[in-house]
Amino acid sequence: MEDLNLALLAKLGWQFCTNNDCLWVQMLKVKYCKLQHFFEVQSSSTDSWLWKRILKSKELLSKGMCMIVGDGTNIDIWKDPWVPFIPGFRPFPGGDHGLGSNLVSDLIIKPAWVWNSAKLHSFFYPLQVDGILKIQISPNQSLDRWAWIHNSNGVFSVKSAYLKDQEARFSYDGPLPKNVWKVLWNSHLHERYKVLIWKLCWDILPVRGVICRRFHIVDTSCPFCGANVESAKHLFMECKFSKLLWMGSRWSLRMDAFSHLSLMDWLYIIPINGSGLHLAKDDALHFLHFAAVLMDMVWFSRNKLVFDKVDTDPKELLLTIERLSLEHLKAKNGVSRPPDLHPLST
């Protein structure tokens, strides 16, 4: 029943994004989305009950809600989901993206109405470019519009949303395709890290957001920042503590660029698959070990804080993560030490 209710709430979320003529939509946008995109807004304790419930549907909506490119003037390159051929539908920066281009229309050559290949390759990683080039641009200069990709007519339905949400539950392979599980289980990661990633994919790691589904607990906030409900995605991708560690790594990852991805999609295209960062084979292998150790140490530090009331210095932790990841990498693969990491910014 709870899953069906979520699909019904997703219908409200769909109407909020697509029906600007509704009075209730206009009121909520003025109050809650004046400065932020719908998919970037975080729930607050002062929000209304209705708005909190609509925000809960964002993760489900992100599995199938995508913009159809018309003239590109109403699609933000970095904030809107508009590439249906890549996970999360929203590309993240892969090159010289700070050139003043924020709309998809800036990536189109007019009046030929074809993609600007040079710009695409300077802005995005090759796999993302391939996905963008698959999008056919209409020469009729039609308006950009929202579409629900799990219905052939592009219109959202509660039934299709519910079935999409239950896909992992009724799939034999689980939340990831069989070939991806094979990559994970055959990797040279320590078994401890494989099990951690498995728990994250199935959303069964006992963070407070998971525990409160089964038991009543008073405090569901993140132990590190206290800003949001502690979900696995928040703990490992959105919390300031984790962001410092990712940014301080030798890859200098800005986690805000991946905010549109679910934790499962991020795990697939970044650490497991490695395609998202377009890394060389040896570097991708090092990053896989680094990411696994980082998540394990964040979980360890979180438990120290919750149960022992002991804070962890992120600078010291980053050095520990780098040392452990190199030790595991060398022990499992015989890889020598890569170049030194960048120091953590203060």
C-alpha atoms as a PDB file:
ATOM      1  CA  MET A   1       0.000   0.000   0.000  1.00  0.00           C
ATOM      2  CA  GLU A   2       2.850   2.378   0.811  1.00  0.00           C
ATOM      3  CA  ASP A   3       4.401   1.780  -2.631  1.00  0.00           C
ATOM      4  CA  LEU A   4       1.080   2.470  -4.350  1.00  0.00           C
ATOM      5  CA  ASN A   5       0.718   5.685  -2.350  1.00  0.00           C
ATOM      6  CA  LEU A   6       4.166   6.736  -3.562  1.00  0.00           C
ATOM      7  CA  ALA A   7       3.072   6.197  -7.173  1.00  0.00           C
ATOM      8  CA  LEU A   8      -0.025   8.335  -6.506  1.00  0.00           C
ATOM      9  CA  LEU A   9       2.152  11.059  -4.978  1.00  0.00           C
ATOM     10  CA  ALA A  10       4.383  10.874  -8.062  1.00  0.00           C
ATOM     11  CA  LYS A  11       1.349  11.857 -10.121  1.00  0.00           C
ATOM     12  CA  LEU A  12       1.154  15.070  -8.098  1.00  0.00           C
ATOM     13  CA  GLY A  13       4.876  15.588  -8.714  1.00  0.00           C
ATOM     14  CA  TRP A  14       4.313  15.079 -12.448  1.00  0.00           C
ATOM     15  CA  GLN A  15       1.491  17.635 -12.461  1.00  0.00           C
ATOM     16  CA  PHE A  16       3.650  20.055 -10.497  1.00  0.00           C
ATOM     17  CA  CYS A  17       6.344  19.944 -13.194  1.00  0.00           C
ATOM     18  CA  THR A  18       4.085  19.881 -16.258  1.00  0.00           C
ATOM     19  CA  ASN A  19       0.947  21.862 -15.445  1.00  0.00           C
ATOM     20  CA  ASN A  20       1.849  25.483 -14.776  1.00  0.00           C
ATOM     21  CA  ASP A  21      -1.756  26.626 -15.235  1.00  0.00           C
ATOM     22  CA  CYS A  22      -2.971  24.987 -12.011  1.00  0.00           C
ATOM     23  CA  LEU A  23      -3.388  27.416  -9.136  1.00  0.00           C
ATOM     24  CA  TRP A  24      -1.977  24.991  -6.529  1.00  0.00           C
ATOM     25  CA  VAL A  25       1.106  24.454  -8.725  1.00  0.00           C
ATOM     26  CA  GLN A  26       1.694  28.195  -9.038  1.00  0.00           C
ATOM     27  CA  MET A  27       1.353  28.662  -5.276  1.00  0.00           C
ATOM     28  CA  LEU A  28       3.793  25.864  -4.421  1.00  0.00           C
ATOM     29  CA  LYS A  29       6.342  27.024  -7.009  1.00  0.00           C
ATOM     30  CA  VAL A  30       6.325  30.559  -5.619  1.00  0.00           C
ATOM     31  CA  LYS A  31       6.748  29.267  -2.071  1.00  0.00           C
ATOM     32  CA  TYR A  32       9.205  26.410  -2.509  1.00  0.00           C
ATOM     33  CA  CYS A  33      10.825  26.535  -5.968  1.00  0.00           C
ATOM     34  CA  LYS A  34      11.486  30.211  -6.465  1.00  0.00           C
ATOM     35  CA  LEU A  35      15.275  29.816  -6.412  1.00  0.00           C
ATOM     36  CA  GLN A  36      15.823  26.083  -6.928  1.00  0.00           C
ATOM     37  CA  HIS A  37      14.930  23.415  -9.451  1.00  0.00           C
ATOM     38  CA  PHE A  38      12.301  20.889  -8.276  1.00  0.00           C
ATOM     39  CA  PHE A  39      14.755  17.979  -8.357  1.00  0.00           C
ATOM     40  CA  GLU A  40      17.286  19.968  -6.280  1.00  0.00           C
ATOM     41  CA  VAL A  41      14.939  21.129  -3.507  1.00  0.00           C
ATOM     42  CA  GLN A  42      15.515  19.481  -0.111  1.00  0.00           C
ATOM     43  CA  SER A  43      12.771  18.918   2.428  1.00  0.00           C
ATOM     44  CA  SER A  44      12.671  21.222   5.449  1.00  0.00           C
ATOM     45  CA  SER A  45      10.993  20.831   8.828  1.00  0.00           C
ATOM     46  CA  THR A  46       8.930  23.956   8.100  1.00  0.00           C
ATOM     47  CA  ASP A  47       7.491  22.603   4.832  1.00  0.00           C
ATOM     48  CA  SER A  48       3.814  21.760   4.550  1.00  0.00           C
ATOM     49  CA  TRP A  49       2.690  18.144   4.809  1.00  0.00           C
ATOM     50  CA  LEU A  50       1.658  18.093   1.128  1.00  0.00           C
ATOM     51  CA  TRP A  51       4.981  19.480  -0.112  1.00  0.00           C
ATOM     52  CA  LYS A  52       6.972  16.973   1.960  1.00  0.00           C
ATOM     53  CA  ARG A  53       4.973  14.136   0.395  1.00  0.00           C
ATOM     54  CA  ILE A  54       5.478  15.480  -3.150  1.00  0.00           C
ATOM     55  CA  LEU A  55       9.232  15.713  -2.549  1.00  0.00           C
ATOM     56  CA  LYS A  56       9.233  12.042  -1.506  1.00  0.00           C
ATOM     57  CA  SER A  57       8.208  11.179  -5.071  1.00  0.00           C
ATOM     58  CA  LYS A  58      11.314  12.762  -6.660  1.00  0.00           C
ATOM     59  CA  GLU A  59      13.329   9.549  -6.704  1.00  0.00           C
ATOM     60  CA  LEU A  60      10.523   7.650  -8.438  1.00  0.00           C
ATOM     61  CA  LEU A  61       9.943  10.470 -10.927  1.00  0.00           C
ATOM     62  CA  SER A  62      13.669  10.610 -11.725  1.00  0.00           C
ATOM     63  CA  LYS A  63      13.435   7.027 -13.035  1.00  0.00           C
ATOM     64  CA  GLY A  64      11.293   8.046 -15.993  1.00  0.00           C
ATOM     65  CA  MET A  65      10.773  11.797 -16.223  1.00  0.00           C
ATOM     66  CA  CYS A  66      12.762  13.364 -19.044  1.00  0.00           C
ATOM     67  CA  MET A  67      12.492  16.461 -21.231  1.00  0.00           C
ATOM     68  CA  ILE A  68      11.999  16.121 -24.983  1.00  0.00           C
ATOM     69  CA  VAL A  69      14.266  18.550 -26.834  1.00  0.00           C
ATOM     70  CA  GLY A  70      12.408  20.981 -29.082  1.00  0.00           C
ATOM     71  CA  ASP A  71      14.297  24.233 -29.576  1.00  0.00           C
ATOM     72  CA  GLY A  72      16.240  23.750 -26.308  1.00  0.00           C
ATOM     73  CA  THR A  73      15.496  27.224 -24.953  1.00  0.00           C
ATOM     74  CA  ASN A  74      13.724  25.939 -21.834  1.00  0.00           C
ATOM     75  CA  ILE A  75      16.122  23.136 -20.867  1.00  0.00           C
ATOM     76  CA  ASP A  76      18.981  23.745 -18.464  1.00  0.00           C
ATOM     77  CA  ILE A  77      21.970  21.615 -19.490  1.00  0.00           C
ATOM     78  CA  TRP A  78      23.057  20.847 -15.934  1.00  0.00           C
ATOM     79  CA  LYS A  79      19.782  20.845 -13.973  1.00  0.00           C
ATOM     80  CA  ASP A  80      17.127  19.304 -16.232  1.00  0.00           C
ATOM     81  CA  PRO A  81      16.954  15.614 -17.207  1.00  0.00           C
ATOM     82  CA  TRP A  82      17.029  15.644 -21.018  1.00  0.00           C
ATOM     83  CA  VAL A  83      19.220  12.756 -22.284  1.00  0.00           C
ATOM     84  CA  PRO A  84      17.151   9.534 -22.105  1.00  0.00           C
ATOM     85  CA  PHE A  85      20.076   7.366 -23.237  1.00  0.00           C
ATOM     86  CA  ILE A  86      22.239   7.856 -20.117  1.00  0.00           C
ATOM     87  CA  PRO A  87      21.557   6.926 -16.463  1.00  0.00           C
ATOM     88  CA  GLY A  88      19.722   9.686 -14.628  1.00  0.00           C
ATOM     89  CA  PHE A  89      19.009  11.447 -17.963  1.00  0.00           C
ATOM     90  CA  ARG A  90      21.167  14.405 -16.927  1.00  0.00           C
ATOM     91  CA  PRO A  91      24.810  14.775 -18.046  1.00  0.00           C
ATOM     92  CA  PHE A  92      27.500  15.965 -15.700  1.00  0.00           C
ATOM     93  CA  PRO A  93      30.480  18.177 -16.624  1.00  0.00           C
ATOM     94  CA  GLY A  94      33.340  16.427 -18.351  1.00  0.00           C
ATOM     95  CA  GLY A  95      35.413  19.210 -19.834  1.00  0.00           C
ATOM     96  CA  ASP A  96      35.475  22.983 -20.340  1.00  0.00           C
ATOM     97  CA  HIS A  97      31.921  23.435 -19.150  1.00  0.00           C
ATOM     98  CA  GLY A  98      32.345  26.940 -17.755  1.00  0.00           C
ATOM     99  CA  LEU A  99      31.954  28.744 -21.080  1.00  0.00           C
ATOM    100  CA  GLY A 100      28.663  30.492 -20.394  1.00  0.00           C
ATOM    101  CA  SER A 101      26.441  27.885 -22.018  1.00  0.00           C
ATOM    102  CA  ASN A 102      23.599  26.864 -19.728  1.00  0.00           C
ATOM    103  CA  LEU A 103      20.785  26.044 -22.144  1.00  0.00           C
ATOM    104  CA  VAL A 104      20.528  23.118 -24.536  1.00  0.00           C
ATOM    105  CA  SER A 105      19.857  25.613 -27.321  1.00  0.00           C
ATOM    106  CA  ASP A 106      23.503  26.724 -26.940  1.00  0.00           C
ATOM    107  CA  LEU A 107      24.570  23.251 -28.086  1.00  0.00           C
ATOM    108  CA  ILE A 108      22.562  23.425 -31.329  1.00  0.00           C
ATOM    109  CA  ILE A 109      23.829  24.887 -34.608  1.00  0.00           C
ATOM    110  CA  LYS A 110      21.164  27.058 -36.229  1.00  0.00           C
ATOM    111  CA  PRO A 111      19.581  27.227 -38.741  1.00  0.00           C
ATOM    112  CA  ALA A 112      20.788  23.722 -39.622  1.00  0.00           C
ATOM    113  CA  TRP A 113      19.332  22.400 -36.328  1.00  0.00           C
ATOM    114  CA  VAL A 114      22.077  19.862 -35.703  1.00  0.00           C
ATOM    115  CA  TRP A 115      24.201  19.252 -32.636  1.00  0.00           C
ATOM    116  CA  ASN A 116      27.421  21.211 -32.265  1.00  0.00           C
ATOM    117  CA  SER A 117      29.777  18.230 -32.057  1.00  0.00           C
ATOM    118  CA  ALA A 118      32.802  20.306 -31.056  1.00  0.00           C
ATOM    119  CA  LYS A 119      30.969  21.805 -28.085  1.00  0.00           C
ATOM    120  CA  LEU A 120      29.593  18.437 -27.017  1.00  0.00           C
ATOM    121  CA  HIS A 121      33.054  16.886 -26.909  1.00  0.00           C
ATOM    122  CA  SER A 122      34.452  19.825 -24.949  1.00  0.00           C
ATOM    123  CA  PHE A 123      31.601  19.759 -22.418  1.00  0.00           C
ATOM    124  CA  PHE A 124      30.908  16.059 -21.830  1.00  0.00           C
ATOM    125  CA  TYR A 125      32.486  12.625 -21.572  1.00  0.00           C
ATOM    126  CA  PRO A 126      32.402  10.456 -24.748  1.00  0.00           C
ATOM    127  CA  LEU A 127      29.616   8.141 -23.523  1.00  0.00           C
ATOM    128  CA  GLN A 128      27.452  11.159 -22.758  1.00  0.00           C
ATOM    129  CA  VAL A 129      28.170  12.651 -26.168  1.00  0.00           C
ATOM    130  CA  ASP A 130      27.057   9.396 -27.805  1.00  0.00           C
ATOM    131  CA  GLY A 131      23.779   9.580 -25.861  1.00  0.00           C
ATOM    132  CA  ILE A 132      23.151  13.212 -26.831  1.00  0.00           C
ATOM    133  CA  LEU A 133      23.838  12.556 -30.526  1.00  0.00           C
ATOM    134  CA  LYS A 134      21.076   9.922 -30.500  1.00  0.00           C
ATOM    135  CA  ILE A 135      18.532  12.681 -29.798  1.00  0.00           C
ATOM    136  CA  GLN A 136      16.853  13.819 -32.998  1.00  0.00           C
ATOM    137  CA  ILE A 137      16.336  17.584 -33.191  1.00  0.00           C
ATOM    138  CA  SER A 138      13.121  18.692 -34.836  1.00  0.00           C
ATOM    139  CA  PRO A 139      13.622  21.312 -37.575  1.00  0.00           C
ATOM    140  CA  ASN A 140      10.111  22.620 -36.793  1.00  0.00           C
ATOM    141  CA  GLN A 141      11.432  24.419 -33.697  1.00  0.00           C
ATOM    142  CA  SER A 142       8.820  22.834 -31.446  1.00  0.00           C
ATOM    143  CA  LEU A 143       8.661  23.670 -27.750  1.00  0.00           C
ATOM    144  CA  ASP A 144      10.536  21.632 -25.153  1.00  0.00           C
ATOM    145  CA  ARG A 145       8.229  19.400 -23.119  1.00  0.00           C
ATOM    146  CA  TRP A 146       8.230  16.822 -20.363  1.00  0.00           C
ATOM    147  CA  ALA A 147       7.719  13.138 -21.134  1.00  0.00           C
ATOM    148  CA  TRP A 148       7.357   9.956 -19.096  1.00  0.00           C
ATOM    149  CA  ILE A 149       9.552   7.489 -20.976  1.00  0.00           C
ATOM    150  CA  HIS A 150       7.852   4.365 -19.596  1.00  0.00           C
ATOM    151  CA  ASN A 151       4.642   5.077 -21.546  1.00  0.00           C
ATOM    152  CA  SER A 152       4.648   5.104 -25.334  1.00  0.00           C
ATOM    153  CA  ASN A 153       2.520   8.276 -25.380  1.00  0.00           C
ATOM    154  CA  GLY A 154       4.915  10.068 -23.029  1.00  0.00           C
ATOM    155  CA  VAL A 155       2.196  10.741 -20.451  1.00  0.00           C
ATOM    156  CA  PHE A 156       2.637   9.746 -16.802  1.00  0.00           C
ATOM    157  CA  SER A 157       0.419   7.040 -15.362  1.00  0.00           C
ATOM    158  CA  VAL A 158       0.227   5.674 -11.821  1.00  0.00           C
ATOM    159  CA  LYS A 159       0.323   2.108 -13.156  1.00  0.00           C
ATOM    160  CA  SER A 160       3.570   2.533 -15.101  1.00  0.00           C
ATOM    161  CA  ALA A 161       5.171   4.400 -12.181  1.00  0.00           C
ATOM    162  CA  TYR A 162       4.215   1.647  -9.735  1.00  0.00           C
ATOM    163  CA  LEU A 163       5.541  -1.077 -12.044  1.00  0.00           C
ATOM    164  CA  LYS A 164       8.795   0.816 -12.539  1.00  0.00           C
ATOM    165  CA  ASP A 165       9.180   1.270  -8.788  1.00  0.00           C
ATOM    166  CA  GLN A 166       8.613  -2.461  -8.213  1.00  0.00           C
ATOM    167  CA  GLU A 167      10.910  -3.539 -11.033  1.00  0.00           C
ATOM    168  CA  ALA A 168      13.837  -4.419  -8.775  1.00  0.00           C
ATOM    169  CA  ARG A 169      11.630  -6.340  -6.340  1.00  0.00           C
ATOM    170  CA  PHE A 170      10.215  -8.656  -9.007  1.00  0.00           C
ATOM    171  CA  SER A 171      13.368  -8.907 -11.100  1.00  0.00           C
ATOM    172  CA  TYR A 172      15.434 -12.044 -10.739  1.00  0.00           C
ATOM    173  CA  ASP A 173      18.635 -10.036 -10.980  1.00  0.00           C
ATOM    174  CA  GLY A 174      17.637  -7.445  -8.380  1.00  0.00           C
ATOM    175  CA  PRO A 175      18.349  -3.691  -8.577  1.00  0.00           C
ATOM    176  CA  LEU A 176      21.307  -4.107 -10.976  1.00  0.00           C
ATOM    177  CA  PRO A 177      21.499  -6.082 -14.245  1.00  0.00           C
ATOM    178  CA  LYS A 178      23.081  -9.523 -14.120  1.00  0.00           C
ATOM    179  CA  ASN A 179      26.186  -8.423 -16.016  1.00  0.00           C
ATOM    180  CA  VAL A 180      26.800  -5.608 -13.509  1.00  0.00           C
ATOM    181  CA  TRP A 181      26.529  -7.986 -10.551  1.00  0.00           C
ATOM    182  CA  LYS A 182      29.052 -10.177 -12.352  1.00  0.00           C
ATOM    183  CA  VAL A 183      31.489  -7.272 -12.667  1.00  0.00           C
ATOM    184  CA  LEU A 184      31.124  -6.516  -8.953  1.00  0.00           C
ATOM    185  CA  TRP A 185      31.479 -10.099  -7.669  1.00  0.00           C
ATOM    186  CA  ASN A 186      34.401 -10.837 -10.020  1.00  0.00           C
ATOM    187  CA  SER A 187      36.245  -7.643  -9.112  1.00  0.00           C
ATOM    188  CA  HIS A 188      39.342  -7.754  -6.887  1.00  0.00           C
ATOM    189  CA  LEU A 189      37.635  -5.806  -4.121  1.00  0.00           C
ATOM    190  CA  HIS A 190      37.791  -7.222  -0.613  1.00  0.00           C
ATOM    191  CA  GLU A 191      34.631  -9.201   0.193  1.00  0.00           C
ATOM    192  CA  ARG A 192      33.800  -6.718   2.945  1.00  0.00           C
ATOM    193  CA  TYR A 193      33.483  -3.932   0.379  1.00  0.00           C
ATOM    194  CA  LYS A 194      31.482  -6.063  -2.050  1.00  0.00           C
ATOM    195  CA  VAL A 195      28.925  -6.771   0.668  1.00  0.00           C
ATOM    196  CA  LEU A 196      28.734  -3.068   1.541  1.00  0.00           C
ATOM    197  CA  ILE A 197      28.002  -2.148  -2.080  1.00  0.00           C
ATOM    198  CA  TRP A 198      25.459  -4.987  -2.259  1.00  0.00           C
ATOM    199  CA  LYS A 199      23.673  -3.567   0.809  1.00  0.00           C
ATOM    200  CA  LEU A 200      23.680  -0.082  -0.709  1.00  0.00           C
ATOM    201  CA  CYS A 201      22.189  -1.334  -3.975  1.00  0.00           C
ATOM    202  CA  TRP A 202      19.397  -3.108  -2.103  1.00  0.00           C
ATOM    203  CA  ASP A 203      18.919  -0.102   0.244  1.00  0.00           C
ATOM    204  CA  ILE A 204      19.255  -2.247   3.367  1.00  0.00           C
ATOM    205  CA  LEU A 205      22.173  -0.510   5.079  1.00  0.00           C
ATOM    206  CA  PRO A 206      20.744   0.442   8.525  1.00  0.00           C
ATOM    207  CA  VAL A 207      20.882   4.210   8.214  1.00  0.00           C
ATOM    208  CA  ARG A 208      18.252   6.118  10.170  1.00  0.00           C
ATOM    209  CA  GLY A 209      16.073   6.658   7.113  1.00  0.00           C
ATOM    210  CA  VAL A 210      15.837   2.881   6.639  1.00  0.00           C
ATOM    211  CA  ILE A 211      15.345   2.088  10.335  1.00  0.00           C
ATOM    212  CA  CYS A 212      12.430   4.545  10.672  1.00  0.00           C
ATOM    213  CA  ARG A 213      10.488   2.580   8.054  1.00  0.00           C
ATOM    214  CA  ARG A 214      10.279  -0.339  10.479  1.00  0.00           C
ATOM    215  CA  PHE A 215      10.579   1.224  13.920  1.00  0.00           C
ATOM    216  CA  HIS A 216       9.664   4.538  15.455  1.00  0.00           C
ATOM    217  CA  ILE A 217      12.794   6.584  16.151  1.00  0.00           C
ATOM    218  CA  VAL A 218      12.841  10.195  17.285  1.00  0.00           C
ATOM    219  CA  ASP A 219      15.936  11.423  15.461  1.00  0.00           C
ATOM    220  CA  THR A 220      16.241  10.583  11.747  1.00  0.00           C
ATOM    221  CA  SER A 221      18.752  13.316  10.870  1.00  0.00           C
ATOM    222  CA  CYS A 222      22.258  12.770   9.541  1.00  0.00           C
ATOM    223  CA  PRO A 223      24.715  12.352  12.473  1.00  0.00           C
ATOM    224  CA  PHE A 224      27.386  14.373  10.646  1.00  0.00           C
ATOM    225  CA  CYS A 225      25.477  17.445   9.452  1.00  0.00           C
ATOM    226  CA  GLY A 226      21.999  17.106  10.965  1.00  0.00           C
ATOM    227  CA  ALA A 227      20.602  18.777   7.862  1.00  0.00           C
ATOM    228  CA  ASN A 228      18.565  15.978   6.285  1.00  0.00           C
ATOM    229  CA  VAL A 229      17.061  12.589   6.926  1.00  0.00           C
ATOM    230  CA  GLU A 230      19.923  10.106   6.916  1.00  0.00           C
ATOM    231  CA  SER A 231      19.474   8.059   3.761  1.00  0.00           C
ATOM    232  CA  ALA A 232      22.302   6.098   2.151  1.00  0.00           C
ATOM    233  CA  LYS A 233      22.414   8.589  -0.716  1.00  0.00           C
ATOM    234  CA  HIS A 234      22.660  11.526   1.674  1.00  0.00           C
ATOM    235  CA  LEU A 235      25.346   9.884   3.807  1.00  0.00           C
ATOM    236  CA  PHE A 236      27.655   8.944   0.933  1.00  0.00           C
ATOM    237  CA  MET A 237      26.859  11.570  -1.711  1.00  0.00           C
ATOM    238  CA  GLU A 238      25.216  14.667  -0.202  1.00  0.00           C
ATOM    239  CA  CYS A 239      26.563  15.094   3.340  1.00  0.00           C
ATOM    240  CA  LYS A 240      29.245  17.764   3.726  1.00  0.00           C
ATOM    241  CA  PHE A 241      31.504  15.253   5.472  1.00  0.00           C
ATOM    242  CA  SER A 242      31.480  12.860   2.508  1.00  0.00           C
ATOM    243  CA  LYS A 243      31.694  15.693  -0.037  1.00  0.00           C
ATOM    244  CA  LEU A 244      34.957  16.861   1.547  1.00  0.00           C
ATOM    245  CA  LEU A 245      36.441  13.395   1.147  1.00  0.00           C
ATOM    246  CA  TRP A 246      35.384  13.014  -2.499  1.00  0.00           C
ATOM    247  CA  MET A 247      36.598  16.515  -3.341  1.00  0.00           C
ATOM    248  CA  GLY A 248      39.897  15.943  -1.546  1.00  0.00           C
ATOM    249  CA  SER A 249      40.666  12.800  -3.519  1.00  0.00           C
ATOM    250  CA  ARG A 250      43.101  12.822  -6.426  1.00  0.00           C
ATOM    251  CA  TRP A 251      40.071  12.861  -8.771  1.00  0.00           C
ATOM    252  CA  SER A 252      38.603  16.002  -7.089  1.00  0.00           C
ATOM    253  CA  LEU A 253      35.006  14.829  -7.472  1.00  0.00           C
ATOM    254  CA  ARG A 254      32.321  17.476  -7.081  1.00  0.00           C
ATOM    255  CA  MET A 255      29.387  15.400  -5.852  1.00  0.00           C
ATOM    256  CA  ASP A 256      26.857  18.126  -6.681  1.00  0.00           C
ATOM    257  CA  ALA A 257      27.347  17.175 -10.336  1.00  0.00           C
ATOM    258  CA  PHE A 258      25.812  13.756  -9.591  1.00  0.00           C
ATOM    259  CA  SER A 259      22.881  14.920  -7.436  1.00  0.00           C
ATOM    260  CA  HIS A 260      20.366  13.855 -10.095  1.00  0.00           C
ATOM    261  CA  LEU A 261      21.523  10.236  -9.937  1.00  0.00           C
ATOM    262  CA  SER A 262      20.201   7.681  -7.503  1.00  0.00           C
ATOM    263  CA  LEU A 263      22.853   6.071  -5.337  1.00  0.00           C
ATOM    264  CA  MET A 264      22.454   2.839  -7.295  1.00  0.00           C
ATOM    265  CA  ASP A 265      22.958   4.553 -10.672  1.00  0.00           C
ATOM    266  CA  TRP A 266      25.968   6.415  -9.305  1.00  0.00           C
ATOM    267  CA  LEU A 267      27.505   3.196  -7.983  1.00  0.00           C
ATOM    268  CA  TYR A 268      27.073   1.619 -11.408  1.00  0.00           C
ATOM    269  CA  ILE A 269      28.417   4.311 -13.721  1.00  0.00           C
ATOM    270  CA  ILE A 270      31.175   5.602 -11.425  1.00  0.00           C
ATOM    271  CA  PRO A 271      32.930   3.020  -9.207  1.00  0.00           C
ATOM    272  CA  ILE A 272      31.709  -0.308 -10.659  1.00  0.00           C
ATOM    273  CA  ASN A 273      31.626   0.473 -14.368  1.00  0.00           C
ATOM    274  CA  GLY A 274      34.085   3.384 -14.349  1.00  0.00           C
ATOM    275  CA  SER A 275      32.691   4.790 -17.606  1.00  0.00           C
ATOM    276  CA  GLY A 276      31.264   7.908 -15.995  1.00  0.00           C
ATOM    277  CA  LEU A 277      34.692   9.430 -15.316  1.00  0.00           C
ATOM    278  CA  HIS A 278      36.318   8.202 -18.538  1.00  0.00           C
ATOM    279  CA  LEU A 279      39.360   6.904 -16.662  1.00  0.00           C
ATOM    280  CA  ALA A 280      42.188   4.763 -17.975  1.00  0.00           C
ATOM    281  CA  LYS A 281      42.004   1.113 -16.937  1.00  0.00           C
ATOM    282  CA  ASP A 282      44.572   1.290 -14.107  1.00  0.00           C
ATOM    283  CA  ASP A 283      43.159   4.570 -12.808  1.00  0.00           C
ATOM    284  CA  ALA A 284      39.600   3.190 -12.906  1.00  0.00           C
ATOM    285  CA  LEU A 285      40.775   0.192 -10.884  1.00  0.00           C
ATOM    286  CA  HIS A 286      42.370   2.478  -8.318  1.00  0.00           C
ATOM    287  CA  PHE A 287      39.211   4.577  -8.116  1.00  0.00           C
ATOM    288  CA  LEU A 288      37.059   1.485  -7.558  1.00  0.00           C
ATOM    289  CA  HIS A 289      39.196   0.535  -4.537  1.00  0.00           C
ATOM    290  CA  PHE A 290      39.309   4.140  -3.305  1.00  0.00           C
ATOM    291  CA  ALA A 291      35.519   4.568  -3.537  1.00  0.00           C
ATOM    292  CA  ALA A 292      34.878   1.274  -1.740  1.00  0.00           C
ATOM    293  CA  VAL A 293      37.291   2.105   1.091  1.00  0.00           C
ATOM    294  CA  LEU A 294      35.897   5.640   1.360  1.00  0.00           C
ATOM    295  CA  MET A 295      32.322   4.434   1.779  1.00  0.00           C
ATOM    296  CA  ASP A 296      33.410   1.811   4.303  1.00  0.00           C
ATOM    297  CA  MET A 297      35.342   4.397   6.340  1.00  0.00           C
ATOM    298  CA  VAL A 298      32.472   6.910   6.196  1.00  0.00           C
ATOM    299  CA  TRP A 299      30.186   4.199   7.592  1.00  0.00           C
ATOM    300  CA  PHE A 300      32.789   3.351  10.264  1.00  0.00           C
ATOM    301  CA  SER A 301      33.188   7.039  11.219  1.00  0.00           C
ATOM    302  CA  ARG A 302      29.441   7.486  11.319  1.00  0.00           C
ATOM    303  CA  ASN A 303      29.062   4.594  13.759  1.00  0.00           C
ATOM    304  CA  LYS A 304      31.891   5.947  15.936  1.00  0.00           C
ATOM    305  CA  LEU A 305      30.026   9.245  16.139  1.00  0.00           C
ATOM    306  CA  VAL A 306      26.624   7.666  16.867  1.00  0.00           C
ATOM    307  CA  PHE A 307      27.667   5.034  19.382  1.00  0.00           C
ATOM    308  CA  ASP A 308      30.942   6.336  20.872  1.00  0.00           C
ATOM    309  CA  LYS A 309      30.406  10.090  20.434  1.00  0.00           C
ATOM    310  CA  VAL A 310      33.821  10.365  18.741  1.00  0.00           C
ATOM    311  CA  ASP A 311      34.337  12.874  15.931  1.00  0.00           C
ATOM    312  CA  THR A 312      36.589  12.104  12.961  1.00  0.00           C
ATOM    313  CA  ASP A 313      38.887  14.626  11.297  1.00  0.00           C
ATOM    314  CA  PRO A 314      38.165  14.430   7.525  1.00  0.00           C
ATOM    315  CA  LYS A 315      41.773  15.382   6.648  1.00  0.00           C
ATOM    316  CA  GLU A 316      43.202  12.493   8.650  1.00  0.00           C
ATOM    317  CA  LEU A 317      40.499  10.162   7.392  1.00  0.00           C
ATOM    318  CA  LEU A 318      41.293  11.046   3.776  1.00  0.00           C
ATOM    319  CA  LEU A 319      44.934  10.077   4.265  1.00  0.00           C
ATOM    320  CA  THR A 320      43.837   6.806   5.875  1.00  0.00           C
ATOM    321  CA  ILE A 321      41.472   6.072   2.977  1.00  0.00           C
ATOM    322  CA  GLU A 322      44.188   6.713   0.406  1.00  0.00           C
ATOM    323  CA  ARG A 323      46.665   4.498   2.289  1.00  0.00           C
ATOM    324  CA  LEU A 324      44.175   1.631   2.691  1.00  0.00           C
ATOM    325  CA  SER A 325      43.004   1.812  -0.903  1.00  0.00           C
ATOM    326  CA  LEU A 326      46.594   1.614  -2.163  1.00  0.00           C
ATOM    327  CA  GLU A 327      47.334  -1.317   0.146  1.00  0.00           C
ATOM    328  CA  HIS A 328      44.273  -3.217  -1.090  1.00  0.00           C
ATOM    329  CA  LEU A 329      45.041  -2.310  -4.693  1.00  0.00           C
ATOM    330  CA  LYS A 330      48.615  -3.538  -4.427  1.00  0.00           C
ATOM    331  CA  ALA A 331      47.665  -6.721  -2.555  1.00  0.00           C
ATOM    332  CA  LYS A 332      44.880  -7.678  -4.968  1.00  0.00           C
ATOM    333  CA  ASN A 333      46.274  -6.450  -8.280  1.00  0.00           C
ATOM    334  CA  GLY A 334      49.971  -5.794  -7.827  1.00  0.00           C
ATOM    335  CA  VAL A 335      49.559  -2.152  -8.904  1.00  0.00           C
ATOM    336  CA  SER A 336      52.272   0.284  -7.879  1.00  0.00           C
ATOM    337  CA  ARG A 337      51.519   3.596  -6.234  1.00  0.00           C
ATOM    338  CA  PRO A 338      49.933   6.224  -8.534  1.00  0.00           C
ATOM    339  CA  PRO A 339      50.799   9.925  -8.365  1.00  0.00           C
ATOM    340  CA  ASP A 340      50.227  11.660  -5.029  1.00  0.00           C
ATOM    341  CA  LEU A 341      46.707  12.860  -4.283  1.00  0.00           C
ATOM    342  CA  HIS A 342      45.783  16.491  -4.065  1.00  0.00           C
ATOM    343  CA  PRO A 343      45.679  17.885  -0.498  1.00  0.00           C
ATOM    344  CA  LEU A 344      42.227  18.453   0.952  1.00  0.00           C
ATOM    345  CA  SER A 345      41.115  22.051   0.569  1.00  0.00           C
ATOM    346  CA  THR A 346      40.487  23.947   3.797  1.00  0.00           C
END
